[in-house]
Amino acid sequence: MNARFNPEEFVKERNEALFSLDEEKIRAYAKKYCVSLPENPKVFWGAVYKSIYNVTDAPQELKDKAKAWLEENGMSTKIKL
């Protein structure tokens, strides 16, 4: 990671990775920013779809897909800290 953190670039890259729904791209983004991701496929996709659903400016079609996937897999759309 760069010594100078650029939040706008972080968000832009995050959205590009998440919205692609490409596991390799998402994992590469996470590695670049030292974000740990689950190895379990269901938990991984749950985290991805939950993240997408909670991105304010995510495309509505993608938010709908995320919500449907989460509901079908018994997961909430809420992020708990």
PDB file of N, CA and C in Angstrom:
ATOM      1  N   MET A   1       0.844  -1.178   0.000  1.00  0.00           N
ATOM      2  CA  MET A   1       0.000   0.000   0.000  1.00  0.00           C
ATOM      3  C   MET A   1       0.887   1.238   0.000  1.00  0.00           C
ATOM      4  N   ASN A   2       0.437   2.261  -0.676  1.00  0.00           N
ATOM      5  CA  ASN A   2       1.190   3.509  -0.746  1.00  0.00           C
ATOM      6  C   ASN A   2       1.277   4.178   0.614  1.00  0.00           C
ATOM      7  N   ALA A   3       2.352   4.934   0.812  1.00  0.00           N
ATOM      8  CA  ALA A   3       2.524   5.674   2.056  1.00  0.00           C
ATOM      9  C   ALA A   3       1.434   6.734   2.200  1.00  0.00           C
ATOM     10  N   ARG A   4       0.966   7.270   1.101  1.00  0.00           N
ATOM     11  CA  ARG A   4      -0.085   8.294   1.132  1.00  0.00           C
ATOM     12  C   ARG A   4      -1.405   7.645   0.743  1.00  0.00           C
ATOM     13  N   PHE A   5      -2.297   7.567   1.688  1.00  0.00           N
ATOM     14  CA  PHE A   5      -3.600   6.962   1.453  1.00  0.00           C
ATOM     15  C   PHE A   5      -4.523   7.970   0.787  1.00  0.00           C
ATOM     16  N   ASN A   6      -5.140   7.574  -0.309  1.00  0.00           N
ATOM     17  CA  ASN A   6      -6.063   8.428  -1.041  1.00  0.00           C
ATOM     18  C   ASN A   6      -7.458   7.815  -0.923  1.00  0.00           C
ATOM     19  N   PRO A   7      -8.324   8.376  -0.064  1.00  0.00           N
ATOM     20  CA  PRO A   7      -9.641   7.776   0.141  1.00  0.00           C
ATOM     21  C   PRO A   7     -10.500   7.713  -1.124  1.00  0.00           C
ATOM     22  N   GLU A   8     -10.385   8.703  -1.996  1.00  0.00           N
ATOM     23  CA  GLU A   8     -11.177   8.680  -3.229  1.00  0.00           C
ATOM     24  C   GLU A   8     -10.767   7.512  -4.115  1.00  0.00           C
ATOM     25  N   GLU A   9      -9.471   7.278  -4.209  1.00  0.00           N
ATOM     26  CA  GLU A   9      -8.964   6.158  -5.011  1.00  0.00           C
ATOM     27  C   GLU A   9      -9.372   4.822  -4.380  1.00  0.00           C
ATOM     28  N   PHE A  10      -9.310   4.742  -3.067  1.00  0.00           N
ATOM     29  CA  PHE A  10      -9.716   3.546  -2.331  1.00  0.00           C
ATOM     30  C   PHE A  10     -11.170   3.189  -2.660  1.00  0.00           C
ATOM     31  N   VAL A  11     -12.066   4.169  -2.573  1.00  0.00           N
ATOM     32  CA  VAL A  11     -13.486   3.943  -2.835  1.00  0.00           C
ATOM     33  C   VAL A  11     -13.710   3.587  -4.301  1.00  0.00           C
ATOM     34  N   LYS A  12     -13.035   4.293  -5.203  1.00  0.00           N
ATOM     35  CA  LYS A  12     -13.168   4.007  -6.640  1.00  0.00           C
ATOM     36  C   LYS A  12     -12.751   2.567  -6.937  1.00  0.00           C
ATOM     37  N   GLU A  13     -11.599   2.154  -6.419  1.00  0.00           N
ATOM     38  CA  GLU A  13     -11.111   0.791  -6.642  1.00  0.00           C
ATOM     39  C   GLU A  13     -12.010  -0.238  -5.964  1.00  0.00           C
ATOM     40  N   ARG A  14     -12.506   0.095  -4.761  1.00  0.00           N
ATOM     41  CA  ARG A  14     -13.414  -0.818  -4.051  1.00  0.00           C
ATOM     42  C   ARG A  14     -14.653  -1.068  -4.888  1.00  0.00           C
ATOM     43  N   ASN A  15     -15.259   0.019  -5.375  1.00  0.00           N
ATOM     44  CA  ASN A  15     -16.480  -0.125  -6.162  1.00  0.00           C
ATOM     45  C   ASN A  15     -16.231  -0.900  -7.450  1.00  0.00           C
ATOM     46  N   GLU A  16     -15.139  -0.608  -8.131  1.00  0.00           N
ATOM     47  CA  GLU A  16     -14.816  -1.340  -9.359  1.00  0.00           C
ATOM     48  C   GLU A  16     -14.673  -2.828  -9.077  1.00  0.00           C
ATOM     49  N   ALA A  17     -13.985  -3.167  -7.999  1.00  0.00           N
ATOM     50  CA  ALA A  17     -13.785  -4.578  -7.657  1.00  0.00           C
ATOM     51  C   ALA A  17     -15.112  -5.231  -7.278  1.00  0.00           C
ATOM     52  N   LEU A  18     -15.839  -4.628  -6.342  1.00  0.00           N
ATOM     53  CA  LEU A  18     -17.103  -5.220  -5.898  1.00  0.00           C
ATOM     54  C   LEU A  18     -18.109  -5.335  -7.033  1.00  0.00           C
ATOM     55  N   PHE A  19     -18.284  -4.265  -7.781  1.00  0.00           N
ATOM     56  CA  PHE A  19     -19.313  -4.247  -8.817  1.00  0.00           C
ATOM     57  C   PHE A  19     -18.995  -5.193  -9.972  1.00  0.00           C
ATOM     58  N   SER A  20     -17.723  -5.589 -10.104  1.00  0.00           N
ATOM     59  CA  SER A  20     -17.343  -6.534 -11.159  1.00  0.00           C
ATOM     60  C   SER A  20     -17.849  -7.945 -10.872  1.00  0.00           C
ATOM     61  N   LEU A  21     -18.063  -8.248  -9.585  1.00  0.00           N
ATOM     62  CA  LEU A  21     -18.408  -9.601  -9.130  1.00  0.00           C
ATOM     63  C   LEU A  21     -17.387 -10.631  -9.604  1.00  0.00           C
ATOM     64  N   ASP A  22     -16.156 -10.196  -9.778  1.00  0.00           N
ATOM     65  CA  ASP A  22     -15.048 -11.052 -10.203  1.00  0.00           C
ATOM     66  C   ASP A  22     -14.211 -11.366  -8.958  1.00  0.00           C
ATOM     67  N   GLU A  23     -14.250 -12.632  -8.541  1.00  0.00           N
ATOM     68  CA  GLU A  23     -13.573 -13.010  -7.296  1.00  0.00           C
ATOM     69  C   GLU A  23     -12.090 -12.653  -7.307  1.00  0.00           C
ATOM     70  N   GLU A  24     -11.412 -12.905  -8.411  1.00  0.00           N
ATOM     71  CA  GLU A  24      -9.978 -12.588  -8.481  1.00  0.00           C
ATOM     72  C   GLU A  24      -9.731 -11.090  -8.311  1.00  0.00           C
ATOM     73  N   LYS A  25     -10.540 -10.291  -8.966  1.00  0.00           N
ATOM     74  CA  LYS A  25     -10.393  -8.840  -8.876  1.00  0.00           C
ATOM     75  C   LYS A  25     -10.679  -8.354  -7.443  1.00  0.00           C
ATOM     76  N   ILE A  26     -11.700  -8.916  -6.817  1.00  0.00           N
ATOM     77  CA  ILE A  26     -12.044  -8.544  -5.443  1.00  0.00           C
ATOM     78  C   ILE A  26     -10.911  -8.932  -4.496  1.00  0.00           C
ATOM     79  N   ARG A  27     -10.380 -10.133  -4.661  1.00  0.00           N
ATOM     80  CA  ARG A  27      -9.287 -10.578  -3.779  1.00  0.00           C
ATOM     81  C   ARG A  27      -8.016  -9.759  -4.010  1.00  0.00           C
ATOM     82  N   ALA A  28      -7.741  -9.375  -5.244  1.00  0.00           N
ATOM     83  CA  ALA A  28      -6.562  -8.541  -5.531  1.00  0.00           C
ATOM     84  C   ALA A  28      -6.711  -7.173  -4.867  1.00  0.00           C
ATOM     85  N   TYR A  29      -7.894  -6.599  -4.941  1.00  0.00           N
ATOM     86  CA  TYR A  29      -8.164  -5.313  -4.287  1.00  0.00           C
ATOM     87  C   TYR A  29      -7.944  -5.450  -2.775  1.00  0.00           C
ATOM     88  N   ALA A  30      -8.517  -6.514  -2.194  1.00  0.00           N
ATOM     89  CA  ALA A  30      -8.397  -6.729  -0.755  1.00  0.00           C
ATOM     90  C   ALA A  30      -6.932  -6.899  -0.341  1.00  0.00           C
ATOM     91  N   LYS A  31      -6.183  -7.631  -1.139  1.00  0.00           N
ATOM     92  CA  LYS A  31      -4.763  -7.827  -0.840  1.00  0.00           C
ATOM     93  C   LYS A  31      -4.013  -6.488  -0.883  1.00  0.00           C
ATOM     94  N   LYS A  32      -4.297  -5.678  -1.893  1.00  0.00           N
ATOM     95  CA  LYS A  32      -3.634  -4.380  -2.039  1.00  0.00           C
ATOM     96  C   LYS A  32      -3.840  -3.509  -0.808  1.00  0.00           C
ATOM     97  N   TYR A  33      -5.040  -3.558  -0.235  1.00  0.00           N
ATOM     98  CA  TYR A  33      -5.368  -2.698   0.904  1.00  0.00           C
ATOM     99  C   TYR A  33      -5.355  -3.452   2.241  1.00  0.00           C
ATOM    100  N   CYS A  34      -4.772  -4.644   2.245  1.00  0.00           N
ATOM    101  CA  CYS A  34      -4.631  -5.444   3.475  1.00  0.00           C
ATOM    102  C   CYS A  34      -5.981  -5.693   4.155  1.00  0.00           C
ATOM    103  N   VAL A  35      -6.971  -6.013   3.348  1.00  0.00           N
ATOM    104  CA  VAL A  35      -8.302  -6.337   3.861  1.00  0.00           C
ATOM    105  C   VAL A  35      -8.436  -7.850   3.830  1.00  0.00           C
ATOM    106  N   SER A  36      -8.723  -8.448   4.973  1.00  0.00           N
ATOM    107  CA  SER A  36      -8.866  -9.902   4.991  1.00  0.00           C
ATOM    108  C   SER A  36     -10.262 -10.282   4.513  1.00  0.00           C
ATOM    109  N   LEU A  37     -10.327 -11.363   3.771  1.00  0.00           N
ATOM    110  CA  LEU A  37     -11.588 -11.871   3.244  1.00  0.00           C
ATOM    111  C   LEU A  37     -11.743 -13.330   3.652  1.00  0.00           C
ATOM    112  N   PRO A  38     -12.984 -13.774   3.836  1.00  0.00           N
ATOM    113  CA  PRO A  38     -13.226 -15.178   4.202  1.00  0.00           C
ATOM    114  C   PRO A  38     -12.823 -16.128   3.074  1.00  0.00           C
ATOM    115  N   GLU A  39     -12.341 -17.288   3.453  1.00  0.00           N
ATOM    116  CA  GLU A  39     -12.001 -18.322   2.468  1.00  0.00           C
ATOM    117  C   GLU A  39     -13.234 -19.132   2.071  1.00  0.00           C
ATOM    118  N   ASN A  40     -14.174 -19.313   2.996  1.00  0.00           N
ATOM    119  CA  ASN A  40     -15.394 -20.059   2.715  1.00  0.00           C
ATOM    120  C   ASN A  40     -16.172 -19.335   1.622  1.00  0.00           C
ATOM    121  N   PRO A  41     -16.479 -20.007   0.506  1.00  0.00           N
ATOM    122  CA  PRO A  41     -17.145 -19.343  -0.620  1.00  0.00           C
ATOM    123  C   PRO A  41     -18.470 -18.673  -0.258  1.00  0.00           C
ATOM    124  N   LYS A  42     -19.307 -19.333   0.515  1.00  0.00           N
ATOM    125  CA  LYS A  42     -20.600 -18.747   0.873  1.00  0.00           C
ATOM    126  C   LYS A  42     -20.404 -17.494   1.728  1.00  0.00           C
ATOM    127  N   VAL A  43     -19.489 -17.559   2.662  1.00  0.00           N
ATOM    128  CA  VAL A  43     -19.223 -16.415   3.534  1.00  0.00           C
ATOM    129  C   VAL A  43     -18.574 -15.289   2.728  1.00  0.00           C
ATOM    130  N   PHE A  44     -17.671 -15.645   1.806  1.00  0.00           N
ATOM    131  CA  PHE A  44     -17.039 -14.655   0.933  1.00  0.00           C
ATOM    132  C   PHE A  44     -18.094 -13.883   0.148  1.00  0.00           C
ATOM    133  N   TRP A  45     -18.973 -14.616  -0.552  1.00  0.00           N
ATOM    134  CA  TRP A  45     -19.993 -13.955  -1.372  1.00  0.00           C
ATOM    135  C   TRP A  45     -20.999 -13.217  -0.507  1.00  0.00           C
ATOM    136  N   GLY A  46     -21.265 -13.725   0.681  1.00  0.00           N
ATOM    137  CA  GLY A  46     -22.128 -12.996   1.605  1.00  0.00           C
ATOM    138  C   GLY A  46     -21.522 -11.645   1.945  1.00  0.00           C
ATOM    139  N   ALA A  47     -20.222 -11.627   2.212  1.00  0.00           N
ATOM    140  CA  ALA A  47     -19.535 -10.367   2.518  1.00  0.00           C
ATOM    141  C   ALA A  47     -19.544  -9.429   1.317  1.00  0.00           C
ATOM    142  N   VAL A  48     -19.325  -9.974   0.137  1.00  0.00           N
ATOM    143  CA  VAL A  48     -19.324  -9.163  -1.085  1.00  0.00           C
ATOM    144  C   VAL A  48     -20.699  -8.549  -1.313  1.00  0.00           C
ATOM    145  N   TYR A  49     -21.741  -9.375  -1.277  1.00  0.00           N
ATOM    146  CA  TYR A  49     -23.080  -8.866  -1.547  1.00  0.00           C
ATOM    147  C   TYR A  49     -23.566  -7.915  -0.453  1.00  0.00           C
ATOM    148  N   LYS A  50     -23.191  -8.191   0.779  1.00  0.00           N
ATOM    149  CA  LYS A  50     -23.555  -7.286   1.869  1.00  0.00           C
ATOM    150  C   LYS A  50     -22.863  -5.937   1.668  1.00  0.00           C
ATOM    151  N   SER A  51     -21.619  -5.970   1.255  1.00  0.00           N
ATOM    152  CA  SER A  51     -20.884  -4.734   0.987  1.00  0.00           C
ATOM    153  C   SER A  51     -21.526  -3.957  -0.155  1.00  0.00           C
ATOM    154  N   ILE A  52     -21.837  -4.654  -1.241  1.00  0.00           N
ATOM    155  CA  ILE A  52     -22.472  -3.999  -2.389  1.00  0.00           C
ATOM    156  C   ILE A  52     -23.790  -3.355  -1.962  1.00  0.00           C
ATOM    157  N   TYR A  53     -24.600  -4.096  -1.233  1.00  0.00           N
ATOM    158  CA  TYR A  53     -25.903  -3.585  -0.824  1.00  0.00           C
ATOM    159  C   TYR A  53     -25.767  -2.303  -0.004  1.00  0.00           C
ATOM    160  N   ASN A  54     -24.695  -2.189   0.744  1.00  0.00           N
ATOM    161  CA  ASN A  54     -24.516  -1.048   1.628  1.00  0.00           C
ATOM    162  C   ASN A  54     -23.687   0.085   1.035  1.00  0.00           C
ATOM    163  N   VAL A  55     -23.287  -0.020  -0.219  1.00  0.00           N
ATOM    164  CA  VAL A  55     -22.619   1.092  -0.901  1.00  0.00           C
ATOM    165  C   VAL A  55     -23.720   2.029  -1.387  1.00  0.00           C
ATOM    166  N   THR A  56     -23.725   3.237  -0.889  1.00  0.00           N
ATOM    167  CA  THR A  56     -24.788   4.193  -1.173  1.00  0.00           C
ATOM    168  C   THR A  56     -25.038   4.395  -2.659  1.00  0.00           C
ATOM    169  N   ASP A  57     -23.976   4.538  -3.428  1.00  0.00           N
ATOM    170  CA  ASP A  57     -24.161   4.841  -4.849  1.00  0.00           C
ATOM    171  C   ASP A  57     -24.005   3.623  -5.760  1.00  0.00           C
ATOM    172  N   ALA A  58     -24.206   2.435  -5.213  1.00  0.00           N
ATOM    173  CA  ALA A  58     -24.180   1.229  -6.048  1.00  0.00           C
ATOM    174  C   ALA A  58     -25.374   1.257  -6.996  1.00  0.00           C
ATOM    175  N   PRO A  59     -25.205   0.730  -8.207  1.00  0.00           N
ATOM    176  CA  PRO A  59     -26.342   0.669  -9.139  1.00  0.00           C
ATOM    177  C   PRO A  59     -27.502  -0.115  -8.519  1.00  0.00           C
ATOM    178  N   GLN A  60     -28.716   0.391  -8.681  1.00  0.00           N
ATOM    179  CA  GLN A  60     -29.889  -0.241  -8.056  1.00  0.00           C
ATOM    180  C   GLN A  60     -30.045  -1.697  -8.481  1.00  0.00           C
ATOM    181  N   GLU A  61     -29.783  -1.989  -9.744  1.00  0.00           N
ATOM    182  CA  GLU A  61     -29.886  -3.371 -10.226  1.00  0.00           C
ATOM    183  C   GLU A  61     -28.951  -4.299  -9.446  1.00  0.00           C
ATOM    184  N   LEU A  62     -27.753  -3.819  -9.160  1.00  0.00           N
ATOM    185  CA  LEU A  62     -26.782  -4.610  -8.407  1.00  0.00           C
ATOM    186  C   LEU A  62     -27.202  -4.727  -6.942  1.00  0.00           C
ATOM    187  N   LYS A  63     -27.750  -3.653  -6.382  1.00  0.00           N
ATOM    188  CA  LYS A  63     -28.251  -3.705  -5.000  1.00  0.00           C
ATOM    189  C   LYS A  63     -29.393  -4.716  -4.890  1.00  0.00           C
ATOM    190  N   ASP A  64     -30.272  -4.730  -5.889  1.00  0.00           N
ATOM    191  CA  ASP A  64     -31.380  -5.691  -5.894  1.00  0.00           C
ATOM    192  C   ASP A  64     -30.850  -7.121  -5.968  1.00  0.00           C
ATOM    193  N   LYS A  65     -29.843  -7.345  -6.813  1.00  0.00           N
ATOM    194  CA  LYS A  65     -29.239  -8.679  -6.941  1.00  0.00           C
ATOM    195  C   LYS A  65     -28.593  -9.086  -5.613  1.00  0.00           C
ATOM    196  N   ALA A  66     -27.914  -8.139  -4.973  1.00  0.00           N
ATOM    197  CA  ALA A  66     -27.260  -8.409  -3.692  1.00  0.00           C
ATOM    198  C   ALA A  66     -28.288  -8.778  -2.633  1.00  0.00           C
ATOM    199  N   LYS A  67     -29.359  -8.011  -2.561  1.00  0.00           N
ATOM    200  CA  LYS A  67     -30.402  -8.274  -1.565  1.00  0.00           C
ATOM    201  C   LYS A  67     -31.035  -9.643  -1.797  1.00  0.00           C
ATOM    202  N   ALA A  68     -31.322  -9.958  -3.051  1.00  0.00           N
ATOM    203  CA  ALA A  68     -31.925 -11.257  -3.380  1.00  0.00           C
ATOM    204  C   ALA A  68     -30.993 -12.401  -2.973  1.00  0.00           C
ATOM    205  N   TRP A  69     -29.697 -12.265  -3.280  1.00  0.00           N
ATOM    206  CA  TRP A  69     -28.741 -13.327  -2.933  1.00  0.00           C
ATOM    207  C   TRP A  69     -28.680 -13.503  -1.421  1.00  0.00           C
ATOM    208  N   LEU A  70     -28.600 -12.400  -0.706  1.00  0.00           N
ATOM    209  CA  LEU A  70     -28.523 -12.461   0.754  1.00  0.00           C
ATOM    210  C   LEU A  70     -29.765 -13.122   1.346  1.00  0.00           C
ATOM    211  N   GLU A  71     -30.928 -12.728   0.871  1.00  0.00           N
ATOM    212  CA  GLU A  71     -32.176 -13.318   1.369  1.00  0.00           C
ATOM    213  C   GLU A  71     -32.254 -14.804   1.048  1.00  0.00           C
ATOM    214  N   GLU A  72     -31.868 -15.181  -0.178  1.00  0.00           N
ATOM    215  CA  GLU A  72     -31.898 -16.596  -0.586  1.00  0.00           C
ATOM    216  C   GLU A  72     -30.953 -17.446   0.265  1.00  0.00           C
ATOM    217  N   ASN A  73     -29.908 -16.821   0.785  1.00  0.00           N
ATOM    218  CA  ASN A  73     -28.917 -17.550   1.576  1.00  0.00           C
ATOM    219  C   ASN A  73     -29.044 -17.291   3.069  1.00  0.00           C
ATOM    220  N   GLY A  74     -30.190 -16.738   3.482  1.00  0.00           N
ATOM    221  CA  GLY A  74     -30.485 -16.558   4.903  1.00  0.00           C
ATOM    222  C   GLY A  74     -29.619 -15.525   5.603  1.00  0.00           C
ATOM    223  N   MET A  75     -29.172 -14.530   4.859  1.00  0.00           N
ATOM    224  CA  MET A  75     -28.301 -13.506   5.437  1.00  0.00           C
ATOM    225  C   MET A  75     -28.995 -12.149   5.425  1.00  0.00           C
ATOM    226  N   SER A  76     -28.646 -11.335   6.381  1.00  0.00           N
ATOM    227  CA  SER A  76     -29.177  -9.983   6.499  1.00  0.00           C
ATOM    228  C   SER A  76     -28.416  -9.030   5.593  1.00  0.00           C
ATOM    229  N   THR A  77     -29.051  -7.924   5.255  1.00  0.00           N
ATOM    230  CA  THR A  77     -28.380  -6.871   4.485  1.00  0.00           C
ATOM    231  C   THR A  77     -27.596  -5.937   5.395  1.00  0.00           C
ATOM    232  N   LYS A  78     -27.817  -6.037   6.694  1.00  0.00           N
ATOM    233  CA  LYS A  78     -27.182  -5.124   7.657  1.00  0.00           C
ATOM    234  C   LYS A  78     -25.740  -5.524   7.944  1.00  0.00           C
ATOM    235  N   ILE A  79     -24.911  -4.507   8.115  1.00  0.00           N
ATOM    236  CA  ILE A  79     -23.517  -4.723   8.510  1.00  0.00           C
ATOM    237  C   ILE A  79     -23.415  -4.437   9.999  1.00  0.00           C
ATOM    238  N   LYS A  80     -22.945  -5.418  10.743  1.00  0.00           N
ATOM    239  CA  LYS A  80     -22.789  -5.254  12.192  1.00  0.00           C
ATOM    240  C   LYS A  80     -21.314  -5.098  12.510  1.00  0.00           C
ATOM    241  N   LEU A  81     -21.016  -4.123  13.311  1.00  0.00           N
ATOM    242  CA  LEU A  81     -19.625  -3.892  13.712  1.00  0.00           C
ATOM    243  C   LEU A  81     -19.369  -4.441  15.082  1.00  0.00           C
TER     244      LEU A  81
END
